[in-house]
């Protein structure tokens, strides 16, 4: 099973679509993520990330719902 996690884009580096990266916050943990699959992503967007690649842009409510579910799983 694979798991993708939502995160918020804090900043973006680079101009070329295939090499653009972003600093993404995952509930306070910040990681460098490739934006090659979502070249239209902007600072402030929420993205779904798997193995270092942002796969798609999420609605902020969907991102929050996912985080809420993950927190519930953590309590089990």
C-alpha atoms as a PDB file:
ATOM      1  CA  UNK A   1       0.000   0.000   0.000  1.00  0.00           C
ATOM      2  CA  UNK A   2       1.215   3.514  -0.798  1.00  0.00           C
ATOM      3  CA  UNK A   3       0.427   6.644   1.152  1.00  0.00           C
ATOM      4  CA  UNK A   4       0.456  10.204  -0.137  1.00  0.00           C
ATOM      5  CA  UNK A   5       0.362  13.081   2.361  1.00  0.00           C
ATOM      6  CA  UNK A   6      -1.042  16.604   1.877  1.00  0.00           C
ATOM      7  CA  UNK A   7       1.218  19.574   2.460  1.00  0.00           C
ATOM      8  CA  UNK A   8       1.221  23.334   1.927  1.00  0.00           C
ATOM      9  CA  UNK A   9       3.681  24.966  -0.467  1.00  0.00           C
ATOM     10  CA  UNK A  10       5.751  27.569   1.388  1.00  0.00           C
ATOM     11  CA  UNK A  11       8.123  28.590  -1.408  1.00  0.00           C
ATOM     12  CA  UNK A  12       9.074  27.589  -4.941  1.00  0.00           C
ATOM     13  CA  UNK A  13      12.513  27.412  -6.564  1.00  0.00           C
ATOM     14  CA  UNK A  14      13.322  27.204 -10.253  1.00  0.00           C
ATOM     15  CA  UNK A  15      11.686  28.207 -13.496  1.00  0.00           C
ATOM     16  CA  UNK A  16      11.853  25.069 -15.648  1.00  0.00           C
ATOM     17  CA  UNK A  17       8.689  22.922 -15.261  1.00  0.00           C
ATOM     18  CA  UNK A  18      10.588  19.633 -14.930  1.00  0.00           C
ATOM     19  CA  UNK A  19      13.067  20.883 -12.344  1.00  0.00           C
ATOM     20  CA  UNK A  20      10.900  23.210 -10.190  1.00  0.00           C
ATOM     21  CA  UNK A  21      10.899  22.312  -6.514  1.00  0.00           C
ATOM     22  CA  UNK A  22       9.056  23.588  -3.484  1.00  0.00           C
ATOM     23  CA  UNK A  23       9.495  23.717   0.242  1.00  0.00           C
ATOM     24  CA  UNK A  24       6.346  22.020   1.535  1.00  0.00           C
ATOM     25  CA  UNK A  25       5.091  21.975   5.118  1.00  0.00           C
ATOM     26  CA  UNK A  26       3.556  18.760   6.423  1.00  0.00           C
ATOM     27  CA  UNK A  27       2.101  19.928   9.709  1.00  0.00           C
ATOM     28  CA  UNK A  28       5.328  21.728  10.616  1.00  0.00           C
ATOM     29  CA  UNK A  29       7.822  19.303   9.068  1.00  0.00           C
ATOM     30  CA  UNK A  30       9.245  20.992   5.944  1.00  0.00           C
ATOM     31  CA  UNK A  31      10.608  18.978   3.015  1.00  0.00           C
ATOM     32  CA  UNK A  32      11.846  19.704  -0.511  1.00  0.00           C
ATOM     33  CA  UNK A  33       9.382  18.349  -3.103  1.00  0.00           C
ATOM     34  CA  UNK A  34       9.438  18.108  -6.904  1.00  0.00           C
ATOM     35  CA  UNK A  35       6.694  20.020  -8.746  1.00  0.00           C
ATOM     36  CA  UNK A  36       7.334  18.288 -12.096  1.00  0.00           C
ATOM     37  CA  UNK A  37       3.857  16.690 -12.068  1.00  0.00           C
ATOM     38  CA  UNK A  38       2.043  19.907 -11.087  1.00  0.00           C
ATOM     39  CA  UNK A  39       3.766  22.775 -12.928  1.00  0.00           C
ATOM     40  CA  UNK A  40       0.794  25.060 -12.247  1.00  0.00           C
ATOM     41  CA  UNK A  41       1.246  24.844  -8.438  1.00  0.00           C
ATOM     42  CA  UNK A  42       1.725  28.124  -6.587  1.00  0.00           C
ATOM     43  CA  UNK A  43       2.824  29.221  -3.112  1.00  0.00           C
ATOM     44  CA  UNK A  44      -0.050  28.610  -0.693  1.00  0.00           C
ATOM     45  CA  UNK A  45      -1.477  25.660  -2.633  1.00  0.00           C
ATOM     46  CA  UNK A  46      -1.968  22.322  -0.917  1.00  0.00           C
ATOM     47  CA  UNK A  47      -0.479  19.394  -2.797  1.00  0.00           C
ATOM     48  CA  UNK A  48      -0.677  15.637  -2.366  1.00  0.00           C
ATOM     49  CA  UNK A  49       2.901  14.290  -2.080  1.00  0.00           C
ATOM     50  CA  UNK A  50       4.216  10.762  -2.560  1.00  0.00           C
ATOM     51  CA  UNK A  51       7.942   9.831  -2.474  1.00  0.00           C
ATOM     52  CA  UNK A  52       9.041  13.439  -2.933  1.00  0.00           C
ATOM     53  CA  UNK A  53       6.741  14.313  -5.851  1.00  0.00           C
ATOM     54  CA  UNK A  54       3.660  16.530  -5.663  1.00  0.00           C
ATOM     55  CA  UNK A  55       1.048  14.539  -7.593  1.00  0.00           C
ATOM     56  CA  UNK A  56      -1.882  16.961  -7.641  1.00  0.00           C
ATOM     57  CA  UNK A  57      -3.251  20.134  -6.085  1.00  0.00           C
ATOM     58  CA  UNK A  58      -5.810  19.719  -3.301  1.00  0.00           C
ATOM     59  CA  UNK A  59      -8.619  21.871  -2.051  1.00  0.00           C
ATOM     60  CA  UNK A  60      -7.623  23.203   1.417  1.00  0.00           C
ATOM     61  CA  UNK A  61     -10.694  21.539   2.985  1.00  0.00           C
ATOM     62  CA  UNK A  62      -9.714  18.156   1.509  1.00  0.00           C
ATOM     63  CA  UNK A  63      -6.170  18.576   2.830  1.00  0.00           C
ATOM     64  CA  UNK A  64      -7.488  19.375   6.317  1.00  0.00           C
ATOM     65  CA  UNK A  65      -9.864  16.404   6.225  1.00  0.00           C
ATOM     66  CA  UNK A  66      -6.972  14.097   5.329  1.00  0.00           C
ATOM     67  CA  UNK A  67      -4.855  15.459   8.198  1.00  0.00           C
ATOM     68  CA  UNK A  68      -7.778  14.962  10.593  1.00  0.00           C
ATOM     69  CA  UNK A  69      -8.125  11.330   9.497  1.00  0.00           C
ATOM     70  CA  UNK A  70      -4.383  10.717   9.873  1.00  0.00           C
ATOM     71  CA  UNK A  71      -4.485  12.136  13.404  1.00  0.00           C
ATOM     72  CA  UNK A  72      -7.368   9.788  14.260  1.00  0.00           C
ATOM     73  CA  UNK A  73      -5.335   6.820  12.981  1.00  0.00           C
ATOM     74  CA  UNK A  74      -2.417   7.929  15.119  1.00  0.00           C
ATOM     75  CA  UNK A  75      -4.602   7.592  18.227  1.00  0.00           C
ATOM     76  CA  UNK A  76      -5.556   3.983  17.486  1.00  0.00           C
END
